[in-house]
Amino acid sequence: MKILIISDTHGDISRLKDVYLKHQDCDYFFHLGDFELPSYLISPFSYVIGNCDYLEVEPKVLNLTINDIKIHLEHGNRINYSYFEEYIKNLNVDIFLFGHLHKQLAFKIDKTLVLNPGSLNRPRDDSKGSYLILNIKNKNDITYKFYEYNDD
């Protein structure tokens, strides 16, 4: 199973479509909020809303189970980062996906893989804008790769 994960596109539909077209072979498409567009324009992405998505009000979180893998999606603006580790542990999920920080992150908290794809067009790290591809074969074989946006 292959999943394209994007966050914080902030109204840039051209980059969103460009990345989607490059990775149409993915099985799932997730947007982690702050798309700042009507949700019908980000189809076929499943999404959660961010703090800048004023046209949309739901969903704030999304919990999915795909092939026995529990995946949690949220934007990240409602997280109390003082209790971040405890929050993740209490969710009891295999993969925790969030955006908001505009920075690429990947680490584990106990058994949970925590990933942030960064921002596609407003990065706050050294990227040119980034997104993430997650490959899942089973619970013991999960890999990921960050990609920088390239508009060549």
Protein backbone atom coordinates (compact mmCIF):
# COMPACT_ATOMS: atom_id res chain seq x y z
CA MET A 1 0.00 0.00 0.00
CA LYS A 2 1.36 3.39 -1.00
CA ILE A 3 0.11 6.68 0.53
CA LEU A 4 0.83 10.24 -0.61
CA ILE A 5 0.80 12.66 2.33
CA ILE A 6 0.69 16.43 1.91
CA SER A 7 0.10 19.32 4.30
CA ASP A 8 -0.04 23.08 4.44
CA THR A 9 -0.56 23.91 0.76
CA HIS A 10 -2.25 27.22 1.69
CA GLY A 11 -4.29 27.67 -1.47
CA ASP A 12 -1.64 26.54 -3.95
CA ILE A 13 -3.74 24.23 -6.09
CA SER A 14 -1.12 24.02 -8.85
CA ARG A 15 1.50 22.37 -6.61
CA LEU A 16 -1.14 20.10 -5.11
CA LYS A 17 -2.27 18.91 -8.55
CA ASP A 18 1.31 18.60 -9.79
CA VAL A 19 2.32 16.29 -6.93
CA TYR A 20 -0.88 14.27 -7.31
CA LEU A 21 -0.24 13.78 -11.04
CA LYS A 22 3.33 12.61 -10.34
CA HIS A 23 2.08 10.02 -7.85
CA GLN A 24 -1.23 8.78 -9.22
CA ASP A 25 -0.04 5.24 -8.56
CA CYS A 26 -0.65 5.74 -4.83
CA ASP A 27 -3.47 3.81 -3.19
CA TYR A 28 -4.43 6.63 -0.81
CA PHE A 29 -4.02 10.41 -0.73
CA PHE A 30 -4.03 12.35 2.57
CA HIS A 31 -3.99 16.11 3.13
CA LEU A 32 -3.22 17.13 6.71
CA GLY A 33 -4.90 20.52 6.62
CA ASP A 34 -4.41 24.16 5.75
CA PHE A 35 -5.39 23.60 2.14
CA GLU A 36 -7.35 26.89 2.17
CA LEU A 37 -9.59 25.75 -0.67
CA PRO A 38 -13.08 24.31 -0.83
CA SER A 39 -12.70 20.59 -0.11
CA TYR A 40 -14.12 19.57 -3.49
CA LEU A 41 -11.01 21.08 -5.11
CA ILE A 42 -8.65 18.73 -3.27
CA SER A 43 -10.33 15.52 -4.38
CA PRO A 44 -9.25 12.66 -4.28
CA PHE A 45 -7.47 13.53 -1.02
CA SER A 46 -8.94 12.44 2.31
CA TYR A 47 -8.34 15.37 4.63
CA VAL A 48 -8.49 16.94 8.04
CA ILE A 49 -8.96 20.65 8.47
CA GLY A 50 -6.28 23.00 9.73
CA ASN A 51 -6.39 26.33 11.50
CA CYS A 52 -6.53 28.20 8.14
CA ASP A 53 -9.35 26.18 6.57
CA TYR A 54 -12.16 28.61 7.27
CA LEU A 55 -14.53 27.23 4.63
CA GLU A 56 -14.47 23.77 6.19
CA VAL A 57 -15.39 22.80 9.73
CA GLU A 58 -14.92 19.02 9.78
CA PRO A 59 -13.17 16.68 10.22
CA LYS A 60 -10.60 17.85 12.73
CA VAL A 61 -9.22 14.34 13.14
CA LEU A 62 -9.51 11.21 11.09
CA ASN A 63 -8.84 7.69 12.34
CA LEU A 64 -8.49 4.97 9.73
CA THR A 65 -7.66 1.29 9.82
CA ILE A 66 -6.19 0.05 6.57
CA ASN A 67 -5.00 -3.56 6.37
CA ASP A 68 -4.91 -3.75 10.20
CA ILE A 69 -2.74 -0.61 10.40
CA LYS A 70 -4.25 2.08 12.65
CA ILE A 71 -3.57 5.56 11.24
CA HIS A 72 -4.42 8.86 12.93
CA LEU A 73 -4.52 12.14 10.98
CA GLU A 74 -4.82 15.64 12.38
CA HIS A 75 -3.46 19.04 11.50
CA GLY A 76 -1.57 19.62 14.73
CA ASN A 77 -2.70 23.09 15.77
CA ARG A 78 -4.83 21.69 18.61
CA ILE A 79 -2.03 19.58 20.12
CA ASN A 80 -0.59 20.58 23.48
CA TYR A 81 3.06 19.88 22.71
CA SER A 82 3.91 19.78 26.43
CA TYR A 83 2.01 16.47 26.54
CA PHE A 84 2.78 15.33 22.99
CA GLU A 85 4.37 11.99 23.89
CA GLU A 86 1.58 11.09 26.33
CA TYR A 87 -1.03 12.15 23.75
CA ILE A 88 0.49 9.88 21.09
CA LYS A 89 0.74 6.91 23.46
CA ASN A 90 -2.91 7.27 24.50
CA LEU A 91 -4.11 7.15 20.89
CA ASN A 92 -2.79 3.60 20.53
CA VAL A 93 -2.17 3.87 16.78
CA ASP A 94 0.52 2.51 14.49
CA ILE A 95 1.03 5.75 12.53
CA PHE A 96 0.40 9.34 13.65
CA LEU A 97 0.32 11.93 10.83
CA PHE A 98 0.23 15.67 11.44
CA GLY A 99 1.13 18.95 9.75
CA HIS A 100 1.01 22.55 11.02
CA LEU A 101 4.73 22.89 11.81
CA HIS A 102 5.82 23.22 8.14
CA LYS A 103 8.81 20.98 8.94
CA GLN A 104 9.67 17.43 7.94
CA LEU A 105 9.66 15.15 10.98
CA ALA A 106 9.97 11.40 11.45
CA PHE A 107 10.43 9.59 14.75
CA LYS A 108 8.93 6.88 16.93
CA ILE A 109 7.14 7.14 20.23
CA ASP A 110 6.96 3.59 21.58
CA LYS A 111 5.39 1.59 18.74
CA THR A 112 3.92 4.62 16.93
CA LEU A 113 5.59 6.06 13.85
CA VAL A 114 5.13 9.85 13.95
CA LEU A 115 5.40 11.71 10.63
CA ASN A 116 5.04 15.28 9.43
CA PRO A 117 5.45 15.86 5.66
CA GLY A 118 6.39 19.51 6.05
CA SER A 119 4.72 22.16 3.90
CA LEU A 120 4.36 21.82 0.15
CA ASN A 121 4.84 25.52 -0.52
CA ARG A 122 5.67 27.36 2.73
CA PRO A 123 8.48 25.35 4.36
CA ARG A 124 10.06 26.38 7.64
CA ASP A 125 13.00 24.07 7.20
CA ASP A 126 15.67 23.90 4.51
CA SER A 127 13.43 22.19 1.96
CA LYS A 128 11.97 23.70 -1.20
CA GLY A 129 8.60 22.51 -0.05
CA SER A 130 8.03 18.86 0.78
CA TYR A 131 5.67 15.94 0.92
CA LEU A 132 5.85 12.32 1.99
CA ILE A 133 5.27 8.89 0.49
CA LEU A 134 4.50 6.10 2.95
CA ASN A 135 4.84 2.45 1.86
CA ILE A 136 3.17 -0.16 4.02
CA LYS A 137 3.55 -3.88 3.42
CA ASN A 138 2.51 -4.91 6.94
CA LYS A 139 2.93 -3.71 10.55
CA ASN A 140 6.57 -4.78 10.53
CA ASP A 141 7.42 -3.37 7.12
CA ILE A 142 6.60 0.35 6.95
CA THR A 143 8.91 2.69 5.06
CA TYR A 144 8.67 6.35 4.13
CA LYS A 145 10.47 8.89 2.00
CA PHE A 146 10.37 12.68 1.98
CA TYR A 147 10.34 14.43 -1.38
CA GLU A 148 11.15 18.03 -2.15
CA TYR A 149 8.79 19.79 -4.51
CA ASN A 150 10.36 20.25 -7.89
CA ASP A 151 8.48 22.38 -10.40
CA ASP A 152 10.79 21.54 -13.33
